[in-house]
All heavy atoms as atom14 arrays in JSON, in Angstrom:
{
  "sequence": "SGGGLVQAGDSLRLSCATSGGTISNYHMAWFRQGPGR",
  "atom14_mask": [
    [1, 1, 1, 1, 1, 1, 0, 0, 0, 0, 0, 0, 0, 0],
    [1, 1, 1, 1, 0, 0, 0, 0, 0, 0, 0, 0, 0, 0],
    [1, 1, 1, 1, 0, 0, 0, 0, 0, 0, 0, 0, 0, 0],
    [1, 1, 1, 1, 0, 0, 0, 0, 0, 0, 0, 0, 0, 0],
    [1, 1, 1, 1, 1, 1, 1, 1, 0, 0, 0, 0, 0, 0],
    [1, 1, 1, 1, 1, 1, 1, 0, 0, 0, 0, 0, 0, 0],
    [1, 1, 1, 1, 1, 1, 1, 1, 1, 0, 0, 0, 0, 0],
    [1, 1, 1, 1, 1, 0, 0, 0, 0, 0, 0, 0, 0, 0],
    [1, 1, 1, 1, 0, 0, 0, 0, 0, 0, 0, 0, 0, 0],
    [1, 1, 1, 1, 1, 1, 1, 1, 0, 0, 0, 0, 0, 0],
    [1, 1, 1, 1, 1, 1, 0, 0, 0, 0, 0, 0, 0, 0],
    [1, 1, 1, 1, 1, 1, 1, 1, 0, 0, 0, 0, 0, 0],
    [1, 1, 1, 1, 1, 1, 1, 1, 1, 1, 1, 0, 0, 0],
    [1, 1, 1, 1, 1, 1, 1, 1, 0, 0, 0, 0, 0, 0],
    [1, 1, 1, 1, 1, 1, 0, 0, 0, 0, 0, 0, 0, 0],
    [1, 1, 1, 1, 1, 1, 0, 0, 0, 0, 0, 0, 0, 0],
    [1, 1, 1, 1, 1, 0, 0, 0, 0, 0, 0, 0, 0, 0],
    [1, 1, 1, 1, 1, 1, 1, 0, 0, 0, 0, 0, 0, 0],
    [1, 1, 1, 1, 1, 1, 0, 0, 0, 0, 0, 0, 0, 0],
    [1, 1, 1, 1, 0, 0, 0, 0, 0, 0, 0, 0, 0, 0],
    [1, 1, 1, 1, 0, 0, 0, 0, 0, 0, 0, 0, 0, 0],
    [1, 1, 1, 1, 1, 1, 1, 0, 0, 0, 0, 0, 0, 0],
    [1, 1, 1, 1, 1, 1, 1, 1, 0, 0, 0, 0, 0, 0],
    [1, 1, 1, 1, 1, 1, 0, 0, 0, 0, 0, 0, 0, 0],
    [1, 1, 1, 1, 1, 1, 1, 1, 0, 0, 0, 0, 0, 0],
    [1, 1, 1, 1, 1, 1, 1, 1, 1, 1, 1, 1, 0, 0],
    [1, 1, 1, 1, 1, 1, 1, 1, 1, 1, 0, 0, 0, 0],
    [1, 1, 1, 1, 1, 1, 1, 1, 0, 0, 0, 0, 0, 0],
    [1, 1, 1, 1, 1, 0, 0, 0, 0, 0, 0, 0, 0, 0],
    [1, 1, 1, 1, 1, 1, 1, 1, 1, 1, 1, 1, 1, 1],
    [1, 1, 1, 1, 1, 1, 1, 1, 1, 1, 1, 0, 0, 0],
    [1, 1, 1, 1, 1, 1, 1, 1, 1, 1, 1, 0, 0, 0],
    [1, 1, 1, 1, 1, 1, 1, 1, 1, 0, 0, 0, 0, 0],
    [1, 1, 1, 1, 0, 0, 0, 0, 0, 0, 0, 0, 0, 0],
    [1, 1, 1, 1, 1, 1, 1, 0, 0, 0, 0, 0, 0, 0],
    [1, 1, 1, 1, 0, 0, 0, 0, 0, 0, 0, 0, 0, 0],
    [1, 1, 1, 1, 1, 1, 1, 1, 1, 1, 1, 0, 0, 0]
  ],
  "atom14_positions": [
    [[-21.73, -36.5, 11.04], [-20.52, -36.5, 11.78], [-20.34, -35.14, 12.5], [-21.15, -34.23, 12.27], [-19.28, -36.69, 10.87], [-19.23, -35.63, 9.94], [0.0, 0.0, 0.0], [0.0, 0.0, 0.0], [0.0, 0.0, 0.0], [0.0, 0.0, 0.0], [0.0, 0.0, 0.0], [0.0, 0.0, 0.0], [0.0, 0.0, 0.0], [0.0, 0.0, 0.0]],
    [[-19.35, -35.1, 13.38], [-19.06, -33.81, 14.04], [-19.43, -33.77, 15.5], [-19.17, -32.75, 16.1], [0.0, 0.0, 0.0], [0.0, 0.0, 0.0], [0.0, 0.0, 0.0], [0.0, 0.0, 0.0], [0.0, 0.0, 0.0], [0.0, 0.0, 0.0], [0.0, 0.0, 0.0], [0.0, 0.0, 0.0], [0.0, 0.0, 0.0], [0.0, 0.0, 0.0]],
    [[-20.05, -34.77, 16.0], [-20.43, -34.79, 17.42], [-19.21, -34.91, 18.29], [-18.11, -35.09, 17.9], [0.0, 0.0, 0.0], [0.0, 0.0, 0.0], [0.0, 0.0, 0.0], [0.0, 0.0, 0.0], [0.0, 0.0, 0.0], [0.0, 0.0, 0.0], [0.0, 0.0, 0.0], [0.0, 0.0, 0.0], [0.0, 0.0, 0.0], [0.0, 0.0, 0.0]],
    [[-19.49, -34.75, 19.61], [-18.42, -34.82, 20.58], [-18.92, -34.43, 22.01], [-20.11, -34.23, 22.19], [0.0, 0.0, 0.0], [0.0, 0.0, 0.0], [0.0, 0.0, 0.0], [0.0, 0.0, 0.0], [0.0, 0.0, 0.0], [0.0, 0.0, 0.0], [0.0, 0.0, 0.0], [0.0, 0.0, 0.0], [0.0, 0.0, 0.0], [0.0, 0.0, 0.0]],
    [[-17.94, -34.36, 22.86], [-18.18, -33.96, 24.22], [-17.75, -32.46, 24.42], [-16.57, -32.19, 24.22], [-17.46, -34.85, 25.21], [-17.47, -34.46, 26.69], [-18.83, -34.51, 27.18], [-16.55, -35.4, 27.49], [0.0, 0.0, 0.0], [0.0, 0.0, 0.0], [0.0, 0.0, 0.0], [0.0, 0.0, 0.0], [0.0, 0.0, 0.0], [0.0, 0.0, 0.0]],
    [[-18.64, -31.66, 24.83], [-18.38, -30.19, 25.0], [-18.99, -29.74, 26.34], [-19.75, -30.46, 26.96], [-18.89, -29.33, 23.87], [-18.18, -29.71, 22.56], [-20.4, -29.44, 23.74], [0.0, 0.0, 0.0], [0.0, 0.0, 0.0], [0.0, 0.0, 0.0], [0.0, 0.0, 0.0], [0.0, 0.0, 0.0], [0.0, 0.0, 0.0], [0.0, 0.0, 0.0]],
    [[-18.59, -28.54, 26.71], [-19.12, -27.94, 27.88], [-20.3, -27.06, 27.59], [-20.37, -26.53, 26.45], [-18.06, -27.22, 28.64], [-16.94, -28.1, 29.22], [-15.99, -27.32, 30.14], [-15.81, -26.1, 29.9], [-15.39, -27.98, 31.08], [0.0, 0.0, 0.0], [0.0, 0.0, 0.0], [0.0, 0.0, 0.0], [0.0, 0.0, 0.0], [0.0, 0.0, 0.0]],
    [[-21.12, -26.79, 28.49], [-22.23, -25.83, 28.34], [-21.71, -24.48, 27.85], [-20.69, -23.96, 28.36], [-23.03, -25.69, 29.63], [0.0, 0.0, 0.0], [0.0, 0.0, 0.0], [0.0, 0.0, 0.0], [0.0, 0.0, 0.0], [0.0, 0.0, 0.0], [0.0, 0.0, 0.0], [0.0, 0.0, 0.0], [0.0, 0.0, 0.0], [0.0, 0.0, 0.0]],
    [[-22.41, -23.94, 26.84], [-21.94, -22.7, 26.27], [-21.03, -22.81, 25.08], [-20.85, -21.83, 24.31], [0.0, 0.0, 0.0], [0.0, 0.0, 0.0], [0.0, 0.0, 0.0], [0.0, 0.0, 0.0], [0.0, 0.0, 0.0], [0.0, 0.0, 0.0], [0.0, 0.0, 0.0], [0.0, 0.0, 0.0], [0.0, 0.0, 0.0], [0.0, 0.0, 0.0]],
    [[-20.49, -24.0, 24.86], [-19.62, -24.23, 23.71], [-20.43, -24.34, 22.38], [-21.72, -24.39, 22.41], [-18.83, -25.48, 23.88], [-17.69, -25.31, 24.86], [-17.45, -24.1, 25.3], [-17.07, -26.31, 25.27], [0.0, 0.0, 0.0], [0.0, 0.0, 0.0], [0.0, 0.0, 0.0], [0.0, 0.0, 0.0], [0.0, 0.0, 0.0], [0.0, 0.0, 0.0]],
    [[-19.73, -24.48, 21.31], [-20.31, -24.68, 19.99], [-19.84, -25.92, 19.31], [-18.73, -26.35, 19.55], [-20.05, -23.45, 19.09], [-20.54, -22.28, 19.63], [0.0, 0.0, 0.0], [0.0, 0.0, 0.0], [0.0, 0.0, 0.0], [0.0, 0.0, 0.0], [0.0, 0.0, 0.0], [0.0, 0.0, 0.0], [0.0, 0.0, 0.0], [0.0, 0.0, 0.0]],
    [[-20.61, -26.44, 18.38], [-20.25, -27.57, 17.58], [-20.9, -27.35, 16.18], [-21.93, -26.79, 16.18], [-20.76, -28.89, 18.14], [-19.95, -29.67, 19.16], [-20.69, -30.94, 19.62], [-18.61, -30.03, 18.63], [0.0, 0.0, 0.0], [0.0, 0.0, 0.0], [0.0, 0.0, 0.0], [0.0, 0.0, 0.0], [0.0, 0.0, 0.0], [0.0, 0.0, 0.0]],
    [[-20.32, -27.94, 15.18], [-20.87, -27.98, 13.87], [-21.0, -29.36, 13.43], [-19.96, -30.11, 13.28], [-20.12, -27.13, 12.85], [-20.91, -26.96, 11.52], [-20.22, -26.11, 10.48], [-19.1, -26.82, 9.86], [-18.66, -26.51, 8.67], [-19.1, -25.41, 7.99], [-17.58, -27.15, 8.15], [0.0, 0.0, 0.0], [0.0, 0.0, 0.0], [0.0, 0.0, 0.0]],
    [[-22.2, -29.83, 13.16], [-22.42, -31.13, 12.64], [-22.48, -31.08, 11.14], [-22.93, -30.09, 10.55], [-23.73, -31.76, 13.15], [-23.86, -31.8, 14.67], [-25.19, -32.5, 15.04], [-22.72, -32.5, 15.32], [0.0, 0.0, 0.0], [0.0, 0.0, 0.0], [0.0, 0.0, 0.0], [0.0, 0.0, 0.0], [0.0, 0.0, 0.0], [0.0, 0.0, 0.0]],
    [[-22.04, -32.12, 10.47], [-22.13, -32.26, 9.01], [-22.89, -33.52, 8.63], [-22.82, -34.53, 9.36], [-20.66, -32.37, 8.44], [-19.92, -31.24, 8.77], [0.0, 0.0, 0.0], [0.0, 0.0, 0.0], [0.0, 0.0, 0.0], [0.0, 0.0, 0.0], [0.0, 0.0, 0.0], [0.0, 0.0, 0.0], [0.0, 0.0, 0.0], [0.0, 0.0, 0.0]],
    [[-23.59, -33.42, 7.54], [-24.25, -34.56, 6.96], [-23.88, -34.65, 5.55], [-24.3, -33.92, 4.69], [-25.78, -34.38, 7.1], [-26.77, -35.69, 6.33], [0.0, 0.0, 0.0], [0.0, 0.0, 0.0], [0.0, 0.0, 0.0], [0.0, 0.0, 0.0], [0.0, 0.0, 0.0], [0.0, 0.0, 0.0], [0.0, 0.0, 0.0], [0.0, 0.0, 0.0]],
    [[-23.05, -35.66, 5.23], [-22.5, -35.95, 3.9], [-23.57, -36.87, 3.18], [-23.97, -37.85, 3.8], [-21.19, -36.49, 3.88], [0.0, 0.0, 0.0], [0.0, 0.0, 0.0], [0.0, 0.0, 0.0], [0.0, 0.0, 0.0], [0.0, 0.0, 0.0], [0.0, 0.0, 0.0], [0.0, 0.0, 0.0], [0.0, 0.0, 0.0], [0.0, 0.0, 0.0]],
    [[-23.9, -36.62, 1.96], [-24.84, -37.34, 1.28], [-24.22, -37.97, 0.01], [-23.23, -37.45, -0.59], [-26.05, -36.58, 0.86], [-25.68, -35.53, -0.07], [-26.68, -35.9, 2.02], [0.0, 0.0, 0.0], [0.0, 0.0, 0.0], [0.0, 0.0, 0.0], [0.0, 0.0, 0.0], [0.0, 0.0, 0.0], [0.0, 0.0, 0.0], [0.0, 0.0, 0.0]],
    [[-24.68, -39.16, -0.41], [-24.28, -39.77, -1.62], [-25.45, -40.51, -2.28], [-26.46, -40.77, -1.54], [-23.14, -40.74, -1.34], [-23.58, -41.77, -0.41], [0.0, 0.0, 0.0], [0.0, 0.0, 0.0], [0.0, 0.0, 0.0], [0.0, 0.0, 0.0], [0.0, 0.0, 0.0], [0.0, 0.0, 0.0], [0.0, 0.0, 0.0], [0.0, 0.0, 0.0]],
    [[-25.41, -40.72, -3.5], [-26.47, -41.41, -4.22], [-27.68, -40.51, -4.5], [-28.7, -40.98, -4.92], [0.0, 0.0, 0.0], [0.0, 0.0, 0.0], [0.0, 0.0, 0.0], [0.0, 0.0, 0.0], [0.0, 0.0, 0.0], [0.0, 0.0, 0.0], [0.0, 0.0, 0.0], [0.0, 0.0, 0.0], [0.0, 0.0, 0.0], [0.0, 0.0, 0.0]],
    [[-27.47, -39.25, -4.29], [-28.57, -38.29, -4.55], [-28.07, -36.88, -4.37], [-26.97, -36.7, -3.86], [0.0, 0.0, 0.0], [0.0, 0.0, 0.0], [0.0, 0.0, 0.0], [0.0, 0.0, 0.0], [0.0, 0.0, 0.0], [0.0, 0.0, 0.0], [0.0, 0.0, 0.0], [0.0, 0.0, 0.0], [0.0, 0.0, 0.0], [0.0, 0.0, 0.0]],
    [[-28.84, -35.92, -4.77], [-28.47, -34.53, -4.7], [-29.36, -33.81, -3.64], [-30.59, -33.87, -3.75], [-28.66, -33.88, -6.08], [-27.86, -34.57, -7.05], [-28.2, -32.42, -6.01], [0.0, 0.0, 0.0], [0.0, 0.0, 0.0], [0.0, 0.0, 0.0], [0.0, 0.0, 0.0], [0.0, 0.0, 0.0], [0.0, 0.0, 0.0], [0.0, 0.0, 0.0]],
    [[-28.71, -33.19, -2.67], [-29.54, -32.58, -1.64], [-30.45, -31.51, -2.16], [-31.49, -31.23, -1.46], [-28.58, -32.04, -0.49], [-27.72, -30.88, -0.97], [-27.81, -33.11, 0.18], [-27.0, -30.16, 0.13], [0.0, 0.0, 0.0], [0.0, 0.0, 0.0], [0.0, 0.0, 0.0], [0.0, 0.0, 0.0], [0.0, 0.0, 0.0], [0.0, 0.0, 0.0]],
    [[-30.13, -30.95, -3.27], [-31.04, -29.9, -3.78], [-32.41, -30.45, -4.22], [-33.39, -29.74, -4.37], [-30.38, -29.15, -4.96], [-30.08, -30.07, -5.97], [0.0, 0.0, 0.0], [0.0, 0.0, 0.0], [0.0, 0.0, 0.0], [0.0, 0.0, 0.0], [0.0, 0.0, 0.0], [0.0, 0.0, 0.0], [0.0, 0.0, 0.0], [0.0, 0.0, 0.0]],
    [[-32.47, -31.8, -4.34], [-33.73, -32.42, -4.7], [-34.57, -32.85, -3.53], [-35.68, -33.43, -3.71], [-33.45, -33.63, -5.61], [-32.91, -33.34, -6.95], [-33.14, -32.2, -7.44], [-32.06, -34.16, -7.57], [0.0, 0.0, 0.0], [0.0, 0.0, 0.0], [0.0, 0.0, 0.0], [0.0, 0.0, 0.0], [0.0, 0.0, 0.0], [0.0, 0.0, 0.0]],
    [[-34.04, -32.69, -2.28], [-34.7, -33.17, -1.12], [-34.87, -32.03, -0.11], [-34.12, -31.16, -0.02], [-33.87, -34.27, -0.45], [-33.79, -35.56, -1.3], [-32.72, -35.65, -2.19], [-34.72, -36.55, -1.24], [-32.6, -36.8, -2.95], [-34.6, -37.69, -1.99], [-33.56, -37.82, -2.87], [-33.42, -38.91, -3.62], [0.0, 0.0, 0.0], [0.0, 0.0, 0.0]],
    [[-35.93, -32.21, 0.73], [-36.01, -31.47, 1.96], [-35.1, -32.1, 2.96], [-35.13, -33.31, 3.05], [-37.46, -31.44, 2.5], [-38.53, -31.19, 1.52], [-38.63, -30.02, 0.76], [-39.59, -31.98, 1.12], [-39.7, -30.05, -0.03], [-40.29, -31.23, 0.15], [0.0, 0.0, 0.0], [0.0, 0.0, 0.0], [0.0, 0.0, 0.0], [0.0, 0.0, 0.0]],
    [[-34.31, -31.34, 3.68], [-33.31, -31.91, 4.52], [-33.54, -31.42, 5.95], [-34.04, -30.27, 6.18], [-31.91, -31.46, 4.13], [-31.57, -31.9, 2.74], [-31.46, -33.67, 2.48], [-30.18, -34.13, 3.63], [0.0, 0.0, 0.0], [0.0, 0.0, 0.0], [0.0, 0.0, 0.0], [0.0, 0.0, 0.0], [0.0, 0.0, 0.0], [0.0, 0.0, 0.0]],
    [[-33.28, -32.28, 6.95], [-33.57, -31.95, 8.33], [-32.6, -32.6, 9.29], [-31.86, -33.6, 8.94], [-34.99, -32.39, 8.71], [0.0, 0.0, 0.0], [0.0, 0.0, 0.0], [0.0, 0.0, 0.0], [0.0, 0.0, 0.0], [0.0, 0.0, 0.0], [0.0, 0.0, 0.0], [0.0, 0.0, 0.0], [0.0, 0.0, 0.0], [0.0, 0.0, 0.0]],
    [[-32.61, -32.1, 10.48], [-31.87, -32.66, 11.61], [-32.9, -32.98, 12.69], [-33.82, -32.21, 12.99], [-30.81, -31.75, 12.19], [-29.66, -31.52, 11.37], [-29.39, -30.6, 10.42], [-28.46, -32.34, 11.34], [-28.24, -30.71, 9.85], [-27.58, -31.77, 10.36], [-28.03, -33.47, 12.07], [-26.27, -32.35, 10.07], [-26.76, -34.05, 11.76], [-25.93, -33.44, 10.77]],
    [[-32.77, -34.2, 13.25], [-33.53, -34.6, 14.36], [-32.57, -35.04, 15.5], [-31.38, -35.24, 15.26], [-34.42, -35.82, 14.03], [-35.61, -35.51, 13.16], [-35.48, -35.26, 11.79], [-36.86, -35.4, 13.71], [-36.54, -34.91, 11.01], [-37.92, -35.0, 12.89], [-37.82, -34.84, 11.57], [0.0, 0.0, 0.0], [0.0, 0.0, 0.0], [0.0, 0.0, 0.0]],
    [[-33.1, -35.2, 16.69], [-32.23, -35.73, 17.77], [-33.01, -36.62, 18.69], [-34.24, -36.56, 18.74], [-31.62, -34.55, 18.55], [-32.62, -33.78, 19.4], [-31.96, -32.56, 20.04], [-32.81, -31.87, 20.95], [-32.53, -30.71, 21.55], [-31.38, -30.15, 21.3], [-33.36, -30.13, 22.37], [0.0, 0.0, 0.0], [0.0, 0.0, 0.0], [0.0, 0.0, 0.0]],
    [[-32.27, -37.52, 19.35], [-32.93, -38.42, 20.33], [-32.07, -38.46, 21.58], [-30.96, -38.98, 21.55], [-33.1, -39.76, 19.76], [-33.94, -40.73, 20.6], [-34.45, -41.93, 19.87], [-33.93, -42.22, 18.75], [-35.34, -42.65, 20.37], [0.0, 0.0, 0.0], [0.0, 0.0, 0.0], [0.0, 0.0, 0.0], [0.0, 0.0, 0.0], [0.0, 0.0, 0.0]],
    [[-32.61, -37.84, 22.68], [-31.89, -37.93, 23.9], [-32.19, -39.17, 24.74], [-33.08, -39.92, 24.34], [0.0, 0.0, 0.0], [0.0, 0.0, 0.0], [0.0, 0.0, 0.0], [0.0, 0.0, 0.0], [0.0, 0.0, 0.0], [0.0, 0.0, 0.0], [0.0, 0.0, 0.0], [0.0, 0.0, 0.0], [0.0, 0.0, 0.0], [0.0, 0.0, 0.0]],
    [[-31.48, -39.45, 25.78], [-31.63, -40.62, 26.6], [-33.11, -40.76, 27.06], [-33.62, -39.84, 27.72], [-30.62, -40.45, 27.72], [-29.64, -39.42, 27.24], [-30.38, -38.56, 26.28], [0.0, 0.0, 0.0], [0.0, 0.0, 0.0], [0.0, 0.0, 0.0], [0.0, 0.0, 0.0], [0.0, 0.0, 0.0], [0.0, 0.0, 0.0], [0.0, 0.0, 0.0]],
    [[-33.7, -41.91, 26.75], [-35.04, -42.12, 27.24], [-36.1, -41.29, 26.56], [-37.28, -41.2, 27.1], [0.0, 0.0, 0.0], [0.0, 0.0, 0.0], [0.0, 0.0, 0.0], [0.0, 0.0, 0.0], [0.0, 0.0, 0.0], [0.0, 0.0, 0.0], [0.0, 0.0, 0.0], [0.0, 0.0, 0.0], [0.0, 0.0, 0.0], [0.0, 0.0, 0.0]],
    [[-35.77, -40.64, 25.5], [-36.74, -39.74, 24.8], [-37.01, -40.22, 23.38], [-36.29, -40.95, 22.85], [-36.21, -38.34, 24.8], [-35.94, -37.72, 26.18], [-35.17, -36.42, 26.03], [-36.01, -35.39, 25.36], [-36.81, -34.58, 26.01], [-36.97, -34.6, 27.35], [-37.53, -33.71, 25.37], [0.0, 0.0, 0.0], [0.0, 0.0, 0.0], [0.0, 0.0, 0.0]]
  ]
}
């Protein structure tokens, strides 16, 4: 969560809430997929 529409130069903070497991037991990552990519 945490996405939105911003202008160039702005900041955003994304969050990833987890359940059914403990993040300390996993390697965690962010990926992205742009239009047509």
